[in-house]
Amino acid sequence: MICGLLLGTIFVSLLAADLLMNRVFDTSPDFTKIHIADLYDPAAGSIRRELLEEYGGWIELVNPSGEIVLTQGVKGDNIDSYSREELYAKLDVLRNEESVYYHAYPVKGPQGEPYVLLWKIPEPWWDISLALGIFGVLFVAFLFVALYYYTRFSVRQVKKPIQQIVEGIREMERLNYNKRLEFSAEQEFAEIREAFNAMAQRLQRTSAERDAAETNKRNMLLHLSHDLKTPVTSVFGYSKLLMDNRELEQGQQEKYIRYIHDKSSYMAKLIQDLFELAKLDDPRLKLKKEKVNLPVWFQALVAEFYPDMEARGFVLEAQIEETPLFVLLDQVHMNRVVTNLIGNAMKYNPPGTVLYVSCRKKGDRAEVCIGDSGAGLQEDVRDRLFDEFIRPAGPGKDGTGLGLAICQKIIALHEGTIELEAHADYATLFRISLPCGNFDNGRLQV
């Protein structure tokens, strides 16, 4: 920007200096208005002195042989003749290296010979000094004006970004992380703008995550207090009833004891699931992953449920590839995922339901699907299925509502994903995707 300003100032100063020299300070004659008769009298064969006295220089009369036959004025060189080439070179401004201007006029000699009248005017040194002085003064003046307006322009350009930055910082102090800086400026301010916007975005994301965590914490405490209130109340009520009525019949006592046992089992399972959920959120948790042939492992795990499926009247549809497909698994944790998904399908669906399982390789990932053709899930539940304390409506409401949340965290720790997909043949279909291991000689290649 500064270089452009200097170059522009120099260019304008040169134009203005040239204009002033030509219009005001130039003392050279206007050769377009000078006629030969003003310089030479052919009848007398003499050179007139009037213009020489006004503009200076000297005039030479050159005959056809190139000899100087007549001179008028104070001669400033020792040339007494010219060859044709020399004369042409002197008249060519680009080839003339002397500080003398040559102006030629064709005239006739005493006998009508073709003579050349040369008016030679030395370039005055004071013209150069004056031109340099004018240029210097104009350059300083124009540079001052240019710097003045450039400074005003720069101040306006700087003022807007600074105002936005100050406003953005104030918004940050008010915990408003939605503020973004939007202005066009030089590189330094552009870097500040990008850094500020990136920081605001990180703070906004962190704030949203913190708010979400607080909301989840409140919801979890709310759900936990609700889920514990009913069984604790039941246990308290039945135990008090047993204590106050020691003469109850054996059948009644067993019934109340069974209620107490069932509610206590539910509370124990709820506490165990909460403990498991907390462990999975601990960044210090390290899974015991090992090389596993996924189809073989999955097929063996599904086979454990087959007797229970037959007893409940479920139909198994399996599509498990026999090609070895190796992954890194923590078998204890992944057993819980598969057990939970198959167990839910059998718990919440009626006899005759088709239970679908599959295992295959898809690209560079291993894919496991578990679904059923049963009652399906409500739309409002599908969107929140992996949240804590979400239970589908229907029979078997004794679940804690933490199973799928635990499954999702386990799969995430395996660098995988679990999704609930819509399918034409299966009302509920979970698709698990895990990274395949590239094993060479039994070792994982990264």
Protein backbone atom coordinates (compact mmCIF):
# COMPACT_ATOMS: atom_id res chain seq x y z
CA MET A 1 0.00 0.00 0.00
CA ILE A 2 2.79 2.45 0.95
CA CYS A 3 4.82 1.53 -2.16
CA GLY A 4 1.78 2.20 -4.35
CA LEU A 5 1.25 5.53 -2.58
CA LEU A 6 4.87 6.60 -3.20
CA LEU A 7 4.82 5.52 -6.84
CA GLY A 8 1.55 7.37 -7.42
CA THR A 9 2.93 10.51 -5.74
CA ILE A 10 6.08 10.40 -7.89
CA PHE A 11 4.04 9.97 -11.07
CA VAL A 12 1.69 12.86 -10.27
CA SER A 13 4.63 15.08 -9.25
CA LEU A 14 6.42 14.38 -12.52
CA LEU A 15 3.32 15.23 -14.54
CA ALA A 16 2.73 18.43 -12.59
CA ALA A 17 6.40 19.47 -12.82
CA ASP A 18 6.44 18.87 -16.57
CA LEU A 19 3.22 20.87 -16.95
CA LEU A 20 4.63 23.80 -14.95
CA MET A 21 7.93 23.78 -16.82
CA ASN A 22 6.22 23.79 -20.21
CA ARG A 23 3.52 26.32 -19.37
CA VAL A 24 5.20 28.69 -16.91
CA PHE A 25 8.99 28.39 -16.67
CA ASP A 26 10.00 27.22 -20.16
CA THR A 27 12.02 29.98 -21.94
CA SER A 28 12.68 28.11 -25.19
CA PRO A 29 11.09 29.49 -28.35
CA ASP A 30 7.95 28.09 -29.91
CA PHE A 31 9.49 26.75 -33.11
CA THR A 32 6.06 26.13 -34.65
CA LYS A 33 5.58 29.92 -34.86
CA ILE A 34 9.08 30.81 -36.13
CA HIS A 35 9.51 31.25 -39.87
CA ILE A 36 12.70 31.11 -41.88
CA ALA A 37 12.41 34.83 -42.68
CA ASP A 38 12.70 35.52 -38.93
CA LEU A 39 16.16 33.96 -38.94
CA TYR A 40 17.66 34.42 -42.41
CA ASP A 41 17.62 37.08 -45.16
CA PRO A 42 18.28 35.23 -48.42
CA ALA A 43 18.58 38.41 -50.48
CA ALA A 44 21.37 39.78 -48.31
CA GLY A 45 22.70 36.32 -47.37
CA SER A 46 22.77 37.33 -43.71
CA ILE A 47 21.45 35.88 -40.43
CA ARG A 48 19.13 37.96 -38.27
CA ARG A 49 20.08 38.53 -34.60
CA GLU A 50 16.71 39.40 -32.98
CA LEU A 51 15.70 35.88 -31.92
CA LEU A 52 19.25 35.02 -30.90
CA GLU A 53 19.30 37.94 -28.51
CA GLU A 54 15.97 36.80 -27.03
CA TYR A 55 16.52 33.05 -26.76
CA GLY A 56 20.30 32.62 -27.00
CA GLY A 57 22.42 30.11 -28.86
CA TRP A 58 23.97 30.56 -32.26
CA ILE A 59 23.03 30.01 -35.89
CA GLU A 60 25.17 28.33 -38.51
CA LEU A 61 24.70 28.35 -42.27
CA VAL A 62 25.86 25.06 -43.82
CA ASN A 63 26.49 24.71 -47.56
CA PRO A 64 25.79 21.59 -49.59
CA SER A 65 29.31 20.28 -48.84
CA GLY A 66 28.61 20.37 -45.10
CA GLU A 67 30.91 23.33 -44.42
CA ILE A 68 29.86 26.14 -42.11
CA VAL A 69 30.04 29.27 -44.23
CA LEU A 70 28.45 31.72 -41.81
CA THR A 71 27.93 31.93 -38.06
CA GLN A 72 25.86 34.37 -36.04
CA GLY A 73 26.07 34.54 -32.23
CA VAL A 74 28.58 33.21 -29.74
CA LYS A 75 29.66 29.80 -31.01
CA GLY A 76 29.86 27.21 -28.27
CA ASP A 77 31.72 24.40 -30.07
CA ASN A 78 34.63 23.86 -32.49
CA ILE A 79 32.68 22.20 -35.30
CA ASP A 80 33.44 23.75 -38.71
CA SER A 81 31.84 21.13 -40.97
CA TYR A 82 29.41 18.20 -40.93
CA SER A 83 29.13 15.03 -42.90
CA ARG A 84 25.66 13.96 -43.89
CA GLU A 85 25.65 11.17 -41.26
CA GLU A 86 26.90 13.54 -38.55
CA LEU A 87 24.26 16.09 -39.36
CA TYR A 88 21.47 13.51 -39.25
CA ALA A 89 22.80 12.21 -35.91
CA LYS A 90 22.85 15.72 -34.45
CA LEU A 91 19.26 16.30 -35.48
CA ASP A 92 18.13 12.94 -33.99
CA VAL A 93 17.26 13.59 -30.34
CA LEU A 94 17.82 9.97 -29.39
CA ARG A 95 21.27 9.84 -31.02
CA ASN A 96 22.46 13.28 -29.99
CA GLU A 97 24.51 12.94 -26.82
CA GLU A 98 25.32 16.65 -26.51
CA SER A 99 23.44 19.04 -24.25
CA VAL A 100 22.64 21.21 -27.27
CA TYR A 101 19.33 21.34 -29.13
CA TYR A 102 19.62 21.39 -32.97
CA HIS A 103 16.91 23.00 -35.10
CA ALA A 104 17.35 22.86 -38.89
CA TYR A 105 15.73 25.02 -41.58
CA PRO A 106 16.21 24.53 -45.34
CA VAL A 107 17.24 27.80 -47.05
CA LYS A 108 18.75 28.85 -50.40
CA GLY A 109 22.21 30.26 -50.82
CA PRO A 110 23.22 33.33 -52.84
CA GLN A 111 23.11 31.33 -56.07
CA GLY A 112 20.04 29.34 -55.09
CA GLU A 113 22.07 26.49 -53.58
CA PRO A 114 20.32 24.25 -51.01
CA TYR A 115 21.76 25.41 -47.69
CA VAL A 116 20.83 24.32 -44.17
CA LEU A 117 20.33 26.84 -41.40
CA LEU A 118 21.15 25.33 -37.97
CA TRP A 119 19.98 27.05 -34.80
CA LYS A 120 21.89 25.49 -31.89
CA ILE A 121 20.60 26.28 -28.41
CA PRO A 122 22.51 24.89 -25.37
CA GLU A 123 20.36 23.35 -22.67
CA PRO A 124 20.60 25.77 -19.72
CA TRP A 125 21.73 24.13 -16.48
CA TRP A 126 19.31 26.22 -14.48
CA ASP A 127 16.36 24.58 -16.29
CA ILE A 128 17.44 21.21 -14.90
CA SER A 129 17.90 22.63 -11.41
CA LEU A 130 14.56 24.41 -11.63
CA ALA A 131 12.81 21.26 -12.83
CA LEU A 132 14.34 19.24 -9.98
CA GLY A 133 13.36 21.92 -7.50
CA ILE A 134 9.79 22.06 -8.76
CA PHE A 135 9.58 18.28 -8.71
CA GLY A 136 10.90 18.17 -5.13
CA VAL A 137 8.44 20.78 -3.89
CA LEU A 138 5.52 19.14 -5.66
CA PHE A 139 6.56 15.70 -4.43
CA VAL A 140 6.66 16.86 -0.82
CA ALA A 141 3.33 18.66 -1.17
CA PHE A 142 1.56 15.77 -2.89
CA LEU A 143 3.12 13.27 -0.48
CA PHE A 144 1.85 15.27 2.49
CA VAL A 145 -1.66 15.41 1.00
CA ALA A 146 -1.56 11.69 0.13
CA LEU A 147 -0.34 10.76 3.61
CA TYR A 148 -3.04 12.91 5.18
CA TYR A 149 -5.84 11.18 3.30
CA TYR A 150 -4.17 7.78 3.66
CA THR A 151 -3.98 8.33 7.42
CA ARG A 152 -7.65 9.27 7.56
CA PHE A 153 -8.53 6.25 5.45
CA SER A 154 -6.35 3.99 7.63
CA VAL A 155 -7.94 5.34 10.80
CA ARG A 156 -11.40 4.57 9.43
CA GLN A 157 -10.22 1.12 8.36
CA VAL A 158 -8.76 0.44 11.81
CA LYS A 159 -11.59 2.01 13.79
CA LYS A 160 -14.30 -0.39 12.62
CA PRO A 161 -12.36 -3.60 13.41
CA ILE A 162 -11.30 -2.27 16.82
CA GLN A 163 -14.88 -1.30 17.66
CA GLN A 164 -16.11 -4.76 16.69
CA ILE A 165 -13.31 -6.45 18.67
CA VAL A 166 -14.14 -4.39 21.78
CA GLU A 167 -17.85 -5.15 21.33
CA GLY A 168 -17.06 -8.84 20.88
CA ILE A 169 -15.00 -8.93 24.09
CA ARG A 170 -17.84 -7.26 25.98
CA GLU A 171 -20.26 -9.86 24.65
CA MET A 172 -17.87 -12.57 25.85
CA GLU A 173 -17.88 -10.99 29.29
CA ARG A 174 -21.69 -11.29 29.23
CA LEU A 175 -21.26 -15.02 28.37
CA ASN A 176 -22.79 -14.43 24.94
CA TYR A 177 -20.70 -16.76 22.81
CA ASN A 178 -22.85 -16.32 19.69
CA LYS A 179 -21.02 -13.11 18.78
CA ARG A 180 -18.90 -13.23 15.61
CA LEU A 181 -16.65 -10.57 14.09
CA GLU A 182 -17.52 -9.61 10.52
CA PHE A 183 -15.31 -7.02 8.82
CA SER A 184 -12.83 -6.72 5.96
CA ALA A 185 -9.37 -5.52 6.94
CA GLU A 186 -5.63 -6.00 6.52
CA GLN A 187 -4.00 -9.34 7.24
CA GLU A 188 -3.24 -8.57 10.90
CA PHE A 189 -6.85 -7.69 11.73
CA ALA A 190 -8.09 -10.59 9.59
CA GLU A 191 -5.97 -12.97 11.70
CA ILE A 192 -7.43 -11.45 14.89
CA ARG A 193 -10.94 -11.85 13.45
CA GLU A 194 -10.39 -15.51 12.57
CA ALA A 195 -8.79 -16.24 15.95
CA PHE A 196 -11.64 -14.50 17.80
CA ASN A 197 -14.34 -16.33 15.82
CA ALA A 198 -12.61 -19.68 16.35
CA MET A 199 -12.34 -18.99 20.08
CA ALA A 200 -16.00 -17.93 20.24
CA GLN A 201 -17.02 -21.10 18.44
CA ARG A 202 -15.03 -23.26 20.86
CA LEU A 203 -16.48 -21.44 23.85
CA GLN A 204 -19.98 -21.75 22.42
CA ARG A 205 -19.50 -25.48 21.88
CA THR A 206 -18.00 -25.92 25.34
CA SER A 207 -20.83 -23.93 26.90
CA ALA A 208 -23.41 -25.99 25.03
CA GLU A 209 -21.72 -29.22 26.11
CA ARG A 210 -21.57 -27.99 29.70
CA ASP A 211 -25.24 -27.01 29.60
CA ALA A 212 -26.12 -30.36 28.07
CA ALA A 213 -24.09 -32.15 30.76
CA GLU A 214 -25.84 -30.17 33.49
CA THR A 215 -29.20 -30.92 31.91
CA ASN A 216 -28.35 -34.61 31.66
CA LYS A 217 -27.16 -34.58 35.25
CA ARG A 218 -30.41 -33.00 36.45
CA ASN A 219 -32.47 -35.38 34.34
CA MET A 220 -30.50 -38.34 35.59
CA LEU A 221 -30.98 -37.34 39.19
CA LEU A 222 -34.66 -36.75 38.52
CA HIS A 223 -35.08 -40.13 36.82
CA LEU A 224 -32.98 -41.85 39.44
CA SER A 225 -35.01 -40.41 42.31
CA HIS A 226 -38.21 -41.37 40.50
CA ASP A 227 -36.99 -44.90 39.74
CA LEU A 228 -35.81 -45.47 43.28
CA LYS A 229 -38.81 -43.91 44.99
CA THR A 230 -41.32 -46.55 43.91
CA PRO A 231 -39.30 -49.69 44.82
CA VAL A 232 -38.00 -48.15 48.05
CA THR A 233 -41.55 -47.27 49.02
CA SER A 234 -42.69 -50.80 48.17
CA VAL A 235 -39.86 -52.42 50.12
CA PHE A 236 -40.54 -50.16 53.10
CA GLY A 237 -44.29 -50.81 52.96
CA TYR A 238 -44.08 -54.61 52.63
CA SER A 239 -41.33 -54.94 55.23
CA LYS A 240 -43.33 -52.82 57.67
CA LEU A 241 -46.39 -54.94 56.91
CA LEU A 242 -44.43 -58.08 57.75
CA MET A 243 -43.13 -56.59 60.95
CA ASP A 244 -46.53 -55.35 62.07
CA ASN A 245 -48.37 -58.58 61.17
CA ARG A 246 -46.21 -61.46 62.34
CA GLU A 247 -49.19 -63.83 62.30
CA LEU A 248 -49.76 -63.59 58.53
CA GLU A 249 -50.35 -66.79 56.65
CA GLN A 250 -47.34 -68.47 55.08
CA GLY A 251 -48.59 -67.74 51.58
CA GLN A 252 -49.01 -64.03 52.30
CA GLN A 253 -45.59 -63.80 53.85
CA GLU A 254 -43.97 -65.45 50.82
CA LYS A 255 -45.84 -63.09 48.51
CA TYR A 256 -44.63 -60.00 50.34
CA ILE A 257 -41.10 -61.36 50.59
CA ARG A 258 -41.14 -62.00 46.83
CA TYR A 259 -42.22 -58.37 46.25
CA ILE A 260 -39.38 -57.17 48.46
CA HIS A 261 -36.91 -59.41 46.62
CA ASP A 262 -38.05 -58.27 43.17
CA LYS A 263 -37.84 -54.57 44.06
CA SER A 264 -34.48 -55.05 45.75
CA SER A 265 -33.19 -56.87 42.65
CA TYR A 266 -34.39 -54.00 40.48
CA MET A 267 -32.64 -51.44 42.69
CA ALA A 268 -29.44 -53.51 42.71
CA LYS A 269 -29.51 -53.74 38.92
CA LEU A 270 -30.18 -50.00 38.61
CA ILE A 271 -27.24 -49.19 40.87
CA GLN A 272 -25.04 -51.62 38.95
CA ASP A 273 -25.99 -50.01 35.64
CA LEU A 274 -25.30 -46.55 37.04
CA PHE A 275 -21.91 -47.75 38.22
CA GLU A 276 -21.19 -49.24 34.80
CA LEU A 277 -22.27 -46.01 33.07
CA ALA A 278 -19.99 -43.97 35.33
CA LYS A 279 -17.04 -46.29 34.63
CA LEU A 280 -17.53 -45.94 30.86
CA ASP A 281 -17.39 -42.15 31.20
CA ASP A 282 -14.11 -42.33 33.09
CA PRO A 283 -11.25 -41.33 30.70
CA ARG A 284 -8.91 -43.61 32.66
CA LEU A 285 -10.88 -46.71 31.65
CA LYS A 286 -8.82 -49.06 29.46
CA LEU A 287 -10.61 -51.81 27.56
CA LYS A 288 -8.98 -55.24 27.32
CA LYS A 289 -9.11 -55.53 23.56
CA GLU A 290 -7.91 -58.66 21.83
CA LYS A 291 -7.92 -60.11 18.34
CA VAL A 292 -11.28 -61.80 17.72
CA ASN A 293 -12.75 -63.54 14.67
CA LEU A 294 -16.01 -61.60 14.73
CA PRO A 295 -18.30 -64.05 12.81
CA VAL A 296 -17.24 -67.00 15.00
CA TRP A 297 -17.60 -64.99 18.21
CA PHE A 298 -20.97 -63.54 17.18
CA GLN A 299 -22.36 -66.91 16.03
CA ALA A 300 -21.38 -68.56 19.35
CA LEU A 301 -23.00 -65.74 21.33
CA VAL A 302 -26.25 -65.91 19.34
CA ALA A 303 -26.33 -69.72 19.78
CA GLU A 304 -26.52 -69.26 23.56
CA PHE A 305 -29.92 -67.61 23.09
CA TYR A 306 -31.31 -70.29 20.79
CA PRO A 307 -32.94 -72.49 23.48
CA ASP A 308 -34.67 -69.46 24.98
CA MET A 309 -35.83 -68.37 21.49
CA GLU A 310 -37.40 -71.78 20.87
CA ALA A 311 -39.09 -71.73 24.26
CA ARG A 312 -40.57 -68.28 23.57
CA GLY A 313 -41.60 -69.12 20.00
CA PHE A 314 -39.17 -66.76 18.22
CA VAL A 315 -37.93 -67.45 14.68
CA LEU A 316 -34.19 -66.89 14.11
CA GLU A 317 -32.99 -65.55 10.76
CA ALA A 318 -29.19 -65.45 10.61
CA GLN A 319 -26.89 -64.21 7.85
CA ILE A 320 -23.40 -64.60 9.25
CA GLU A 321 -20.52 -64.83 6.79
CA GLU A 322 -18.08 -67.69 7.28
CA THR A 323 -15.09 -65.73 5.97
CA PRO A 324 -12.76 -64.81 8.86
CA LEU A 325 -13.16 -61.19 9.88
CA PHE A 326 -10.82 -60.06 12.64
CA VAL A 327 -11.41 -57.08 14.91
CA LEU A 328 -10.14 -55.84 18.26
CA LEU A 329 -12.76 -56.46 20.94
CA ASP A 330 -13.16 -56.31 24.66
CA GLN A 331 -15.28 -59.46 24.74
CA VAL A 332 -16.76 -58.83 28.19
CA HIS A 333 -18.12 -55.42 27.22
CA MET A 334 -19.21 -56.40 23.71
CA ASN A 335 -20.97 -59.48 25.10
CA ARG A 336 -23.09 -57.07 27.12
CA VAL A 337 -23.99 -55.09 23.95
CA VAL A 338 -25.19 -58.14 22.02
CA THR A 339 -26.90 -59.63 25.09
CA ASN A 340 -28.74 -56.38 25.74
CA LEU A 341 -29.97 -55.99 22.14
CA ILE A 342 -31.13 -59.60 21.78
CA GLY A 343 -32.59 -59.60 25.29
CA ASN A 344 -34.62 -56.44 24.54
CA ALA A 345 -35.95 -57.97 21.33
CA MET A 346 -37.17 -61.04 23.23
CA LYS A 347 -38.49 -59.03 26.18
CA TYR A 348 -40.59 -56.48 24.27
CA ASN A 349 -42.01 -58.64 21.44
CA PRO A 350 -44.64 -61.41 21.27
CA PRO A 351 -44.10 -65.04 20.24
CA GLY A 352 -43.71 -65.61 16.51
CA THR A 353 -41.45 -62.58 16.09
CA VAL A 354 -38.59 -63.01 13.63
CA LEU A 355 -35.21 -62.21 15.21
CA TYR A 356 -32.69 -61.14 12.57
CA VAL A 357 -28.90 -61.22 13.05
CA SER A 358 -26.14 -60.67 10.50
CA CYS A 359 -22.39 -60.17 10.37
CA ARG A 360 -20.38 -59.10 7.32
CA LYS A 361 -17.53 -56.93 6.12
CA LYS A 362 -18.43 -53.62 4.50
CA GLY A 363 -15.49 -51.70 3.09
CA ASP A 364 -12.83 -51.39 5.78
CA ARG A 365 -15.33 -51.95 8.61
CA ALA A 366 -17.14 -54.87 10.18
CA GLU A 367 -20.92 -54.62 10.39
CA VAL A 368 -23.21 -56.42 12.85
CA CYS A 369 -27.01 -56.11 12.64
CA ILE A 370 -29.60 -57.17 15.21
CA GLY A 371 -33.29 -56.60 14.51
CA ASP A 372 -36.77 -57.99 14.87
CA SER A 373 -40.12 -57.92 13.13
CA GLY A 374 -42.00 -57.20 16.34
CA ALA A 375 -44.02 -54.27 17.61
CA GLY A 376 -41.39 -51.64 16.86
CA LEU A 377 -40.78 -48.41 18.71
CA GLN A 378 -42.73 -45.18 19.04
CA GLU A 379 -41.41 -42.29 16.96
CA ASP A 380 -40.79 -40.10 20.01
CA VAL A 381 -38.75 -42.90 21.58
CA ARG A 382 -36.67 -43.64 18.46
CA ASP A 383 -35.11 -40.17 18.48
CA ARG A 384 -34.03 -40.48 22.14
CA LEU A 385 -33.44 -44.21 22.35
CA PHE A 386 -29.77 -43.94 23.39
CA ASP A 387 -30.43 -41.41 26.17
CA GLU A 388 -30.41 -42.47 29.80
CA PHE A 389 -33.66 -43.72 31.41
CA ILE A 390 -35.51 -44.14 28.09
CA ARG A 391 -37.82 -47.13 28.08
CA PRO A 392 -40.16 -48.22 25.30
CA ALA A 393 -43.82 -48.64 26.13
CA GLY A 394 -45.20 -52.13 26.42
CA PRO A 395 -44.66 -55.21 28.56
CA GLY A 396 -41.47 -55.78 30.47
CA LYS A 397 -41.17 -52.32 31.99
CA ASP A 398 -38.80 -53.53 34.70
CA GLY A 399 -35.73 -52.36 32.75
CA THR A 400 -33.55 -49.57 34.09
CA GLY A 401 -33.55 -47.55 30.83
CA LEU A 402 -29.73 -47.45 30.86
CA GLY A 403 -28.94 -50.48 28.71
CA LEU A 404 -28.79 -48.80 25.30
CA ALA A 405 -26.90 -45.81 26.69
CA ILE A 406 -24.30 -48.24 28.03
CA CYS A 407 -24.20 -50.06 24.67
CA GLN A 408 -23.54 -46.84 22.80
CA LYS A 409 -20.66 -45.88 25.11
CA ILE A 410 -19.09 -49.34 24.84
CA ILE A 411 -19.21 -49.24 21.04
CA ALA A 412 -17.81 -45.69 21.02
CA LEU A 413 -14.86 -46.95 23.10
CA HIS A 414 -14.28 -49.49 20.30
CA GLU A 415 -14.19 -46.56 17.80
CA GLY A 416 -17.47 -47.79 16.37
CA THR A 417 -21.03 -46.58 15.90
CA ILE A 418 -24.51 -47.95 16.61
CA GLU A 419 -27.58 -46.70 14.77
CA LEU A 420 -31.27 -47.50 14.79
CA GLU A 421 -32.33 -47.83 11.15
CA ALA A 422 -35.68 -47.98 9.42
CA HIS A 423 -36.20 -51.21 7.47
CA ALA A 424 -39.08 -52.53 5.41
CA ASP A 425 -38.91 -56.07 6.86
CA TYR A 426 -37.90 -55.35 10.43
CA ALA A 427 -39.66 -52.93 12.75
CA THR A 428 -36.49 -52.51 14.79
CA LEU A 429 -32.96 -52.85 13.35
CA PHE A 430 -29.72 -51.89 15.10
CA ARG A 431 -26.63 -51.58 12.92
CA ILE A 432 -23.22 -51.72 14.63
CA SER A 433 -20.12 -50.68 12.70
CA LEU A 434 -16.61 -51.49 13.97
CA PRO A 435 -13.18 -50.85 12.44
CA CYS A 436 -11.50 -53.91 10.96
CA GLY A 437 -8.03 -54.74 12.19
CA ASN A 438 -5.24 -55.19 9.63
CA PHE A 439 -3.36 -58.06 11.19
CA ASP A 440 -0.05 -59.39 9.91
CA ASN A 441 1.54 -62.39 11.69
CA GLY A 442 -0.97 -61.92 14.47
CA ARG A 443 -0.09 -58.28 15.09
CA LEU A 444 -2.24 -55.26 14.39
CA GLN A 445 -0.79 -53.04 11.65
CA VAL A 446 -1.58 -49.36 12.16
